[in-house]
PDB file of N, CA and C in Angstrom:
ATOM      1  N   MET A   1      -5.641 -11.046  -8.230  1.00  0.00           N
ATOM      2  CA  MET A   1      -5.309  -9.639  -8.075  1.00  0.00           C
ATOM      3  C   MET A   1      -4.323  -9.496  -6.916  1.00  0.00           C
ATOM      4  N   ALA A   2      -3.249  -8.828  -7.170  1.00  0.00           N
ATOM      5  CA  ALA A   2      -2.246  -8.581  -6.137  1.00  0.00           C
ATOM      6  C   ALA A   2      -2.481  -7.195  -5.557  1.00  0.00           C
ATOM      7  N   ASP A   3      -2.802  -7.152  -4.286  1.00  0.00           N
ATOM      8  CA  ASP A   3      -3.064  -5.873  -3.649  1.00  0.00           C
ATOM      9  C   ASP A   3      -1.834  -5.360  -2.925  1.00  0.00           C
ATOM     10  N   ILE A   4      -1.661  -4.060  -3.035  1.00  0.00           N
ATOM     11  CA  ILE A   4      -0.725  -3.336  -2.194  1.00  0.00           C
ATOM     12  C   ILE A   4      -1.590  -2.414  -1.352  1.00  0.00           C
ATOM     13  N   TYR A   5      -1.113  -2.028  -0.204  1.00  0.00           N
ATOM     14  CA  TYR A   5      -1.943  -1.278   0.736  1.00  0.00           C
ATOM     15  C   TYR A   5      -1.322   0.064   1.058  1.00  0.00           C
ATOM     16  N   CYS A   6      -2.182   1.070   1.115  1.00  0.00           N
ATOM     17  CA  CYS A   6      -1.739   2.412   1.454  1.00  0.00           C
ATOM     18  C   CYS A   6      -1.042   2.382   2.818  1.00  0.00           C
ATOM     19  N   PRO A   7       0.144   2.977   2.909  1.00  0.00           N
ATOM     20  CA  PRO A   7       0.855   2.981   4.185  1.00  0.00           C
ATOM     21  C   PRO A   7       0.255   3.948   5.203  1.00  0.00           C
ATOM     22  N   LYS A   8      -0.760   4.704   4.793  1.00  0.00           N
ATOM     23  CA  LYS A   8      -1.397   5.656   5.706  1.00  0.00           C
ATOM     24  C   LYS A   8      -2.755   5.173   6.190  1.00  0.00           C
ATOM     25  N   CYS A   9      -3.540   4.515   5.290  1.00  0.00           N
ATOM     26  CA  CYS A   9      -4.906   4.152   5.670  1.00  0.00           C
ATOM     27  C   CYS A   9      -5.262   2.700   5.362  1.00  0.00           C
ATOM     28  N   ALA A  10      -4.343   1.945   4.778  1.00  0.00           N
ATOM     29  CA  ALA A  10      -4.532   0.525   4.450  1.00  0.00           C
ATOM     30  C   ALA A  10      -5.539   0.277   3.332  1.00  0.00           C
ATOM     31  N   GLU A  11      -5.873   1.295   2.566  1.00  0.00           N
ATOM     32  CA  GLU A  11      -6.756   1.099   1.406  1.00  0.00           C
ATOM     33  C   GLU A  11      -6.049   0.178   0.411  1.00  0.00           C
ATOM     34  N   PRO A  12      -6.741  -0.880  -0.069  1.00  0.00           N
ATOM     35  CA  PRO A  12      -6.099  -1.771  -1.035  1.00  0.00           C
ATOM     36  C   PRO A  12      -6.099  -1.182  -2.443  1.00  0.00           C
ATOM     37  N   TRP A  13      -5.014  -1.406  -3.141  1.00  0.00           N
ATOM     38  CA  TRP A  13      -4.868  -0.980  -4.539  1.00  0.00           C
ATOM     39  C   TRP A  13      -4.295  -2.143  -5.325  1.00  0.00           C
ATOM     40  N   ASP A  14      -4.752  -2.298  -6.542  1.00  0.00           N
ATOM     41  CA  ASP A  14      -4.171  -3.311  -7.413  1.00  0.00           C
ATOM     42  C   ASP A  14      -2.759  -2.871  -7.777  1.00  0.00           C
ATOM     43  N   ILE A  15      -1.836  -3.780  -7.687  1.00  0.00           N
ATOM     44  CA  ILE A  15      -0.433  -3.463  -7.949  1.00  0.00           C
ATOM     45  C   ILE A  15      -0.227  -2.852  -9.336  1.00  0.00           C
ATOM     46  N   TYR A  16      -1.059  -3.252 -10.292  1.00  0.00           N
ATOM     47  CA  TYR A  16      -0.891  -2.779 -11.669  1.00  0.00           C
ATOM     48  C   TYR A  16      -1.306  -1.322 -11.850  1.00  0.00           C
ATOM     49  N   GLU A  17      -1.993  -0.760 -10.855  1.00  0.00           N
ATOM     50  CA  GLU A  17      -2.345   0.663 -10.902  1.00  0.00           C
ATOM     51  C   GLU A  17      -1.088   1.533 -10.970  1.00  0.00           C
ATOM     52  N   LEU A  18       0.019   1.023 -10.455  1.00  0.00           N
ATOM     53  CA  LEU A  18       1.264   1.792 -10.484  1.00  0.00           C
ATOM     54  C   LEU A  18       1.748   2.044 -11.907  1.00  0.00           C
ATOM     55  N   HIS A  19       1.305   1.222 -12.846  1.00  0.00           N
ATOM     56  CA  HIS A  19       1.675   1.415 -14.253  1.00  0.00           C
ATOM     57  C   HIS A  19       0.877   2.541 -14.907  1.00  0.00           C
ATOM     58  N   ASP A  20      -0.239   2.932 -14.295  1.00  0.00           N
ATOM     59  CA  ASP A  20      -1.175   3.859 -14.929  1.00  0.00           C
ATOM     60  C   ASP A  20      -1.203   5.250 -14.319  1.00  0.00           C
ATOM     61  N   VAL A  21      -0.238   5.590 -13.501  1.00  0.00           N
ATOM     62  CA  VAL A  21      -0.193   6.921 -12.895  1.00  0.00           C
ATOM     63  C   VAL A  21       0.318   7.903 -13.949  1.00  0.00           C
ATOM     64  N   ASP A  22      -0.523   8.870 -14.290  1.00  0.00           N
ATOM     65  CA  ASP A  22      -0.179   9.831 -15.344  1.00  0.00           C
ATOM     66  C   ASP A  22       1.116  10.571 -15.046  1.00  0.00           C
ATOM     67  N   GLY A  23       1.976  10.601 -16.043  1.00  0.00           N
ATOM     68  CA  GLY A  23       3.209  11.374 -15.962  1.00  0.00           C
ATOM     69  C   GLY A  23       4.326  10.738 -15.162  1.00  0.00           C
ATOM     70  N   LEU A  24       4.104   9.517 -14.652  1.00  0.00           N
ATOM     71  CA  LEU A  24       5.139   8.863 -13.852  1.00  0.00           C
ATOM     72  C   LEU A  24       5.461   7.485 -14.409  1.00  0.00           C
ATOM     73  N   THR A  25       6.720   7.118 -14.323  1.00  0.00           N
ATOM     74  CA  THR A  25       7.100   5.746 -14.640  1.00  0.00           C
ATOM     75  C   THR A  25       6.642   4.850 -13.490  1.00  0.00           C
ATOM     76  N   PHE A  26       6.706   3.553 -13.700  1.00  0.00           N
ATOM     77  CA  PHE A  26       6.348   2.606 -12.650  1.00  0.00           C
ATOM     78  C   PHE A  26       7.184   2.854 -11.395  1.00  0.00           C
ATOM     79  N   ASP A  27       8.489   3.020 -11.558  1.00  0.00           N
ATOM     80  CA  ASP A  27       9.362   3.234 -10.397  1.00  0.00           C
ATOM     81  C   ASP A  27       9.070   4.548  -9.688  1.00  0.00           C
ATOM     82  N   GLU A  28       8.752   5.587 -10.448  1.00  0.00           N
ATOM     83  CA  GLU A  28       8.392   6.872  -9.834  1.00  0.00           C
ATOM     84  C   GLU A  28       7.074   6.746  -9.078  1.00  0.00           C
ATOM     85  N   ALA A  29       6.112   6.040  -9.663  1.00  0.00           N
ATOM     86  CA  ALA A  29       4.820   5.834  -8.997  1.00  0.00           C
ATOM     87  C   ALA A  29       4.996   4.997  -7.731  1.00  0.00           C
ATOM     88  N   ARG A  30       5.842   3.976  -7.799  1.00  0.00           N
ATOM     89  CA  ARG A  30       6.121   3.141  -6.632  1.00  0.00           C
ATOM     90  C   ARG A  30       6.703   3.983  -5.501  1.00  0.00           C
ATOM     91  N   ALA A  31       7.683   4.808  -5.832  1.00  0.00           N
ATOM     92  CA  ALA A  31       8.314   5.654  -4.818  1.00  0.00           C
ATOM     93  C   ALA A  31       7.312   6.649  -4.232  1.00  0.00           C
ATOM     94  N   LYS A  32       6.479   7.221  -5.089  1.00  0.00           N
ATOM     95  CA  LYS A  32       5.471   8.170  -4.611  1.00  0.00           C
ATOM     96  C   LYS A  32       4.459   7.469  -3.709  1.00  0.00           C
ATOM     97  N   PHE A  33       4.058   6.246  -4.082  1.00  0.00           N
ATOM     98  CA  PHE A  33       3.095   5.502  -3.272  1.00  0.00           C
ATOM     99  C   PHE A  33       3.647   5.227  -1.880  1.00  0.00           C
ATOM    100  N   THR A  34       4.929   4.942  -1.771  1.00  0.00           N
ATOM    101  CA  THR A  34       5.508   4.686  -0.448  1.00  0.00           C
ATOM    102  C   THR A  34       5.473   5.934   0.431  1.00  0.00           C
ATOM    103  N   ARG A  35       5.503   7.112  -0.190  1.00  0.00           N
ATOM    104  CA  ARG A  35       5.472   8.378   0.564  1.00  0.00           C
ATOM    105  C   ARG A  35       4.053   8.885   0.787  1.00  0.00           C
ATOM    106  N   GLU A  36       3.210   8.801  -0.243  1.00  0.00           N
ATOM    107  CA  GLU A  36       1.924   9.493  -0.230  1.00  0.00           C
ATOM    108  C   GLU A  36       0.704   8.585  -0.244  1.00  0.00           C
ATOM    109  N   GLY A  37       0.900   7.291  -0.444  1.00  0.00           N
ATOM    110  CA  GLY A  37      -0.225   6.364  -0.428  1.00  0.00           C
ATOM    111  C   GLY A  37      -1.271   6.680  -1.477  1.00  0.00           C
ATOM    112  N   CYS A  38      -2.529   6.725  -1.062  1.00  0.00           N
ATOM    113  CA  CYS A  38      -3.673   6.908  -1.966  1.00  0.00           C
ATOM    114  C   CYS A  38      -3.557   8.145  -2.848  1.00  0.00           C
ATOM    115  N   GLU A  39      -2.908   9.168  -2.362  1.00  0.00           N
ATOM    116  CA  GLU A  39      -2.796  10.415  -3.120  1.00  0.00           C
ATOM    117  C   GLU A  39      -2.024  10.221  -4.422  1.00  0.00           C
ATOM    118  N   THR A  40      -1.247   9.145  -4.523  1.00  0.00           N
ATOM    119  CA  THR A  40      -0.545   8.812  -5.763  1.00  0.00           C
ATOM    120  C   THR A  40      -1.531   8.655  -6.908  1.00  0.00           C
ATOM    121  N   PHE A  41      -2.721   8.144  -6.595  1.00  0.00           N
ATOM    122  CA  PHE A  41      -3.735   7.873  -7.610  1.00  0.00           C
ATOM    123  C   PHE A  41      -4.793   8.971  -7.691  1.00  0.00           C
ATOM    124  N   GLY A  42      -4.529  10.092  -7.042  1.00  0.00           N
ATOM    125  CA  GLY A  42      -5.459  11.214  -7.090  1.00  0.00           C
ATOM    126  C   GLY A  42      -6.612  11.097  -6.111  1.00  0.00           C
ATOM    127  N   ASN A  43      -6.512  10.193  -5.149  1.00  0.00           N
ATOM    128  CA  ASN A  43      -7.559  10.023  -4.147  1.00  0.00           C
ATOM    129  C   ASN A  43      -7.110  10.617  -2.823  1.00  0.00           C
ATOM    130  N   LYS A  44      -8.066  11.097  -2.072  1.00  0.00           N
ATOM    131  CA  LYS A  44      -7.765  11.605  -0.738  1.00  0.00           C
ATOM    132  C   LYS A  44      -7.680  10.419   0.216  1.00  0.00           C
ATOM    133  N   CYS A  45      -6.625  10.375   0.953  1.00  0.00           N
ATOM    134  CA  CYS A  45      -6.422   9.310   1.926  1.00  0.00           C
ATOM    135  C   CYS A  45      -7.347   9.558   3.115  1.00  0.00           C
ATOM    136  N   THR A  46      -7.966   8.495   3.628  1.00  0.00           N
ATOM    137  CA  THR A  46      -8.884   8.658   4.754  1.00  0.00           C
ATOM    138  C   THR A  46      -8.161   9.072   6.022  1.00  0.00           C
ATOM    139  N   GLY A  47      -6.893   8.743   6.110  1.00  0.00           N
ATOM    140  CA  GLY A  47      -6.112   9.148   7.274  1.00  0.00           C
ATOM    141  C   GLY A  47      -6.231   8.180   8.427  1.00  0.00           C
ATOM    142  N   ASP A  48      -5.390   8.360   9.389  1.00  0.00           N
ATOM    143  CA  ASP A  48      -5.240   7.439  10.508  1.00  0.00           C
ATOM    144  C   ASP A  48      -6.362   7.545  11.536  1.00  0.00           C
ATOM    145  N   ASP A  49      -6.996   8.692  11.664  1.00  0.00           N
ATOM    146  CA  ASP A  49      -7.985   8.902  12.721  1.00  0.00           C
ATOM    147  C   ASP A  49      -9.215   8.016  12.593  1.00  0.00           C
ATOM    148  N   GLU A  50      -9.577   7.625  11.370  1.00  0.00           N
ATOM    149  CA  GLU A  50     -10.805   6.875  11.140  1.00  0.00           C
ATOM    150  C   GLU A  50     -10.575   5.370  11.035  1.00  0.00           C
ATOM    151  N   LEU A  51      -9.389   4.887  11.319  1.00  0.00           N
ATOM    152  CA  LEU A  51      -9.061   3.486  11.098  1.00  0.00           C
ATOM    153  C   LEU A  51      -9.413   2.599  12.279  1.00  0.00           C
ATOM    154  N   SER A  52      -9.840   1.375  11.961  1.00  0.00           N
ATOM    155  CA  SER A  52      -9.988   0.358  12.995  1.00  0.00           C
ATOM    156  C   SER A  52      -8.589  -0.076  13.430  1.00  0.00           C
ATOM    157  N   GLU A  53      -8.516  -0.789  14.526  1.00  0.00           N
ATOM    158  CA  GLU A  53      -7.211  -1.261  15.001  1.00  0.00           C
ATOM    159  C   GLU A  53      -6.559  -2.177  13.966  1.00  0.00           C
ATOM    160  N   TYR A  54      -7.357  -3.039  13.338  1.00  0.00           N
ATOM    161  CA  TYR A  54      -6.816  -3.936  12.308  1.00  0.00           C
ATOM    162  C   TYR A  54      -6.276  -3.143  11.123  1.00  0.00           C
ATOM    163  N   ALA A  55      -7.024  -2.151  10.649  1.00  0.00           N
ATOM    164  CA  ALA A  55      -6.571  -1.337   9.513  1.00  0.00           C
ATOM    165  C   ALA A  55      -5.311  -0.563   9.875  1.00  0.00           C
ATOM    166  N   ARG A  56      -5.239  -0.075  11.104  1.00  0.00           N
ATOM    167  CA  ARG A  56      -4.042   0.650  11.548  1.00  0.00           C
ATOM    168  C   ARG A  56      -2.822  -0.284  11.523  1.00  0.00           C
ATOM    169  N   LEU A  57      -2.987  -1.511  12.008  1.00  0.00           N
ATOM    170  CA  LEU A  57      -1.894  -2.487  11.967  1.00  0.00           C
ATOM    171  C   LEU A  57      -1.499  -2.821  10.532  1.00  0.00           C
ATOM    172  N   LYS A  58      -2.496  -2.939   9.662  1.00  0.00           N
ATOM    173  CA  LYS A  58      -2.223  -3.268   8.262  1.00  0.00           C
ATOM    174  C   LYS A  58      -1.465  -2.127   7.581  1.00  0.00           C
ATOM    175  N   ALA A  59      -1.852  -0.896   7.859  1.00  0.00           N
ATOM    176  CA  ALA A  59      -1.150   0.259   7.289  1.00  0.00           C
ATOM    177  C   ALA A  59       0.292   0.308   7.794  1.00  0.00           C
ATOM    178  N   GLN A  60       0.479   0.048   9.087  1.00  0.00           N
ATOM    179  CA  GLN A  60       1.830   0.050   9.647  1.00  0.00           C
ATOM    180  C   GLN A  60       2.679  -1.069   9.048  1.00  0.00           C
ATOM    181  N   ALA A  61       2.092  -2.247   8.887  1.00  0.00           N
ATOM    182  CA  ALA A  61       2.820  -3.366   8.280  1.00  0.00           C
ATOM    183  C   ALA A  61       3.194  -3.039   6.841  1.00  0.00           C
ATOM    184  N   SER A  62       2.278  -2.422   6.120  1.00  0.00           N
ATOM    185  CA  SER A  62       2.548  -2.039   4.734  1.00  0.00           C
ATOM    186  C   SER A  62       3.707  -1.051   4.662  1.00  0.00           C
ATOM    187  N   ALA A  63       3.714  -0.072   5.549  1.00  0.00           N
ATOM    188  CA  ALA A  63       4.794   0.920   5.567  1.00  0.00           C
ATOM    189  C   ALA A  63       6.143   0.259   5.859  1.00  0.00           C
ATOM    190  N   VAL A  64       6.162  -0.688   6.789  1.00  0.00           N
ATOM    191  CA  VAL A  64       7.406  -1.392   7.112  1.00  0.00           C
ATOM    192  C   VAL A  64       7.892  -2.197   5.911  1.00  0.00           C
ATOM    193  N   LEU A  65       6.977  -2.899   5.249  1.00  0.00           N
ATOM    194  CA  LEU A  65       7.368  -3.691   4.073  1.00  0.00           C
ATOM    195  C   LEU A  65       7.934  -2.807   2.972  1.00  0.00           C
ATOM    196  N   MET A  66       7.381  -1.614   2.826  1.00  0.00           N
ATOM    197  CA  MET A  66       7.883  -0.680   1.816  1.00  0.00           C
ATOM    198  C   MET A  66       9.291  -0.207   2.157  1.00  0.00           C
ATOM    199  N   ASP A  67       9.590  -0.108   3.448  1.00  0.00           N
ATOM    200  CA  ASP A  67      10.949   0.247   3.871  1.00  0.00           C
ATOM    201  C   ASP A  67      11.933  -0.899   3.621  1.00  0.00           C
ATOM    202  N   LEU A  68      11.439  -2.133   3.726  1.00  0.00           N
ATOM    203  CA  LEU A  68      12.307  -3.301   3.595  1.00  0.00           C
ATOM    204  C   LEU A  68      12.601  -3.696   2.153  1.00  0.00           C
ATOM    205  N   SER A  69      11.676  -3.378   1.243  1.00  0.00           N
ATOM    206  CA  SER A  69      11.857  -3.800  -0.148  1.00  0.00           C
ATOM    207  C   SER A  69      11.311  -2.742  -1.101  1.00  0.00           C
ATOM    208  N   PRO A  70      12.012  -2.475  -2.192  1.00  0.00           N
ATOM    209  CA  PRO A  70      11.504  -1.535  -3.191  1.00  0.00           C
ATOM    210  C   PRO A  70      10.566  -2.200  -4.203  1.00  0.00           C
ATOM    211  N   HIS A  71      10.262  -3.486  -4.019  1.00  0.00           N
ATOM    212  CA  HIS A  71       9.499  -4.241  -5.009  1.00  0.00           C
ATOM    213  C   HIS A  71       8.044  -4.444  -4.578  1.00  0.00           C
ATOM    214  N   PRO A  72       7.092  -3.836  -5.291  1.00  0.00           N
ATOM    215  CA  PRO A  72       5.680  -3.989  -4.950  1.00  0.00           C
ATOM    216  C   PRO A  72       5.206  -5.443  -4.917  1.00  0.00           C
ATOM    217  N   ASP A  73       5.796  -6.322  -5.720  1.00  0.00           N
ATOM    218  CA  ASP A  73       5.425  -7.739  -5.664  1.00  0.00           C
ATOM    219  C   ASP A  73       5.703  -8.319  -4.277  1.00  0.00           C
ATOM    220  N   ASP A  74       6.795  -7.900  -3.666  1.00  0.00           N
ATOM    221  CA  ASP A  74       7.108  -8.349  -2.308  1.00  0.00           C
ATOM    222  C   ASP A  74       6.061  -7.845  -1.323  1.00  0.00           C
ATOM    223  N   TRP A  75       5.659  -6.585  -1.478  1.00  0.00           N
ATOM    224  CA  TRP A  75       4.653  -6.019  -0.566  1.00  0.00           C
ATOM    225  C   TRP A  75       3.368  -6.829  -0.640  1.00  0.00           C
ATOM    226  N   ALA A  76       2.925  -7.126  -1.862  1.00  0.00           N
ATOM    227  CA  ALA A  76       1.667  -7.847  -2.058  1.00  0.00           C
ATOM    228  C   ALA A  76       1.739  -9.246  -1.446  1.00  0.00           C
ATOM    229  N   ALA A  77       2.820  -9.958  -1.696  1.00  0.00           N
ATOM    230  CA  ALA A  77       2.962 -11.317  -1.164  1.00  0.00           C
ATOM    231  C   ALA A  77       3.016 -11.308   0.361  1.00  0.00           C
ATOM    232  N   ASP A  78       3.777 -10.388   0.910  1.00  0.00           N
ATOM    233  CA  ASP A  78       3.903 -10.331   2.363  1.00  0.00           C
ATOM    234  C   ASP A  78       2.610  -9.875   3.028  1.00  0.00           C
ATOM    235  N   MET A  79       1.841  -9.021   2.379  1.00  0.00           N
ATOM    236  CA  MET A  79       0.561  -8.603   2.957  1.00  0.00           C
ATOM    237  C   MET A  79      -0.449  -9.742   2.906  1.00  0.00           C
ATOM    238  N   ALA A  80      -0.361 -10.613   1.915  1.00  0.00           N
ATOM    239  CA  ALA A  80      -1.212 -11.807   1.892  1.00  0.00           C
ATOM    240  C   ALA A  80      -0.866 -12.689   3.093  1.00  0.00           C
ATOM    241  N   ASP A  81       0.420 -12.806   3.391  1.00  0.00           N
ATOM    242  CA  ASP A  81       0.854 -13.551   4.573  1.00  0.00           C
ATOM    243  C   ASP A  81       0.363 -12.880   5.853  1.00  0.00           C
ATOM    244  N   PHE A  82       0.341 -11.549   5.868  1.00  0.00           N
ATOM    245  CA  PHE A  82      -0.149 -10.802   7.031  1.00  0.00           C
ATOM    246  C   PHE A  82      -1.599 -11.182   7.316  1.00  0.00           C
ATOM    247  N   ASP A  83      -2.431 -11.232   6.271  1.00  0.00           N
ATOM    248  CA  ASP A  83      -3.835 -11.608   6.458  1.00  0.00           C
ATOM    249  C   ASP A  83      -3.956 -13.023   7.014  1.00  0.00           C
ATOM    250  N   LEU A  84      -3.132 -13.941   6.516  1.00  0.00           N
ATOM    251  CA  LEU A  84      -3.154 -15.311   7.037  1.00  0.00           C
ATOM    252  C   LEU A  84      -2.736 -15.344   8.499  1.00  0.00           C
ATOM    253  N   MET A  85      -1.712 -14.578   8.824  1.00  0.00           N
ATOM    254  CA  MET A  85      -1.212 -14.531  10.189  1.00  0.00           C
ATOM    255  C   MET A  85      -2.271 -13.961  11.143  1.00  0.00           C
ATOM    256  N   MET A  86      -3.054 -13.017  10.642  1.00  0.00           N
ATOM    257  CA  MET A  86      -4.085 -12.386  11.468  1.00  0.00           C
ATOM    258  C   MET A  86      -5.374 -13.208  11.494  1.00  0.00           C
ATOM    259  N   GLY A  87      -5.385 -14.328  10.766  1.00  0.00           N
ATOM    260  CA  GLY A  87      -6.548 -15.206  10.781  1.00  0.00           C
ATOM    261  C   GLY A  87      -7.648 -14.804   9.830  1.00  0.00           C
ATOM    262  N   LEU A  88      -7.300 -14.054   8.775  1.00  0.00           N
ATOM    263  CA  LEU A  88      -8.321 -13.631   7.808  1.00  0.00           C
ATOM    264  C   LEU A  88      -8.181 -14.374   6.509  1.00  0.00           C
TER     265      LEU A  88
END
C-alpha cells in the first residue's frame, strides 16, 4: 500500500483513494488533496493543534513534497524514505 499523507494533519491515505473522489478526476483530486488534505475525502482534518511533534514534521514534509512534485507516487516514495530517515 502506498500512503500519501495529509499536508495538514499527516493522516495516511492510500494513494488509490484519489481515483475514487466523487465528481473529480484523479488530477483534480490530487490538486484538491494538496490544498485541503483529508477534506478531499469528506473527512474532517484533525488540524495542527492536536499533533505530536513527529506528526507535525510529517505533515510539513508532505506539504513540501507536494510543492516539489505533482505526482502522488513521488510523495509516497519520499514519505517512505522520511520514515526510514526518522528511524521508523
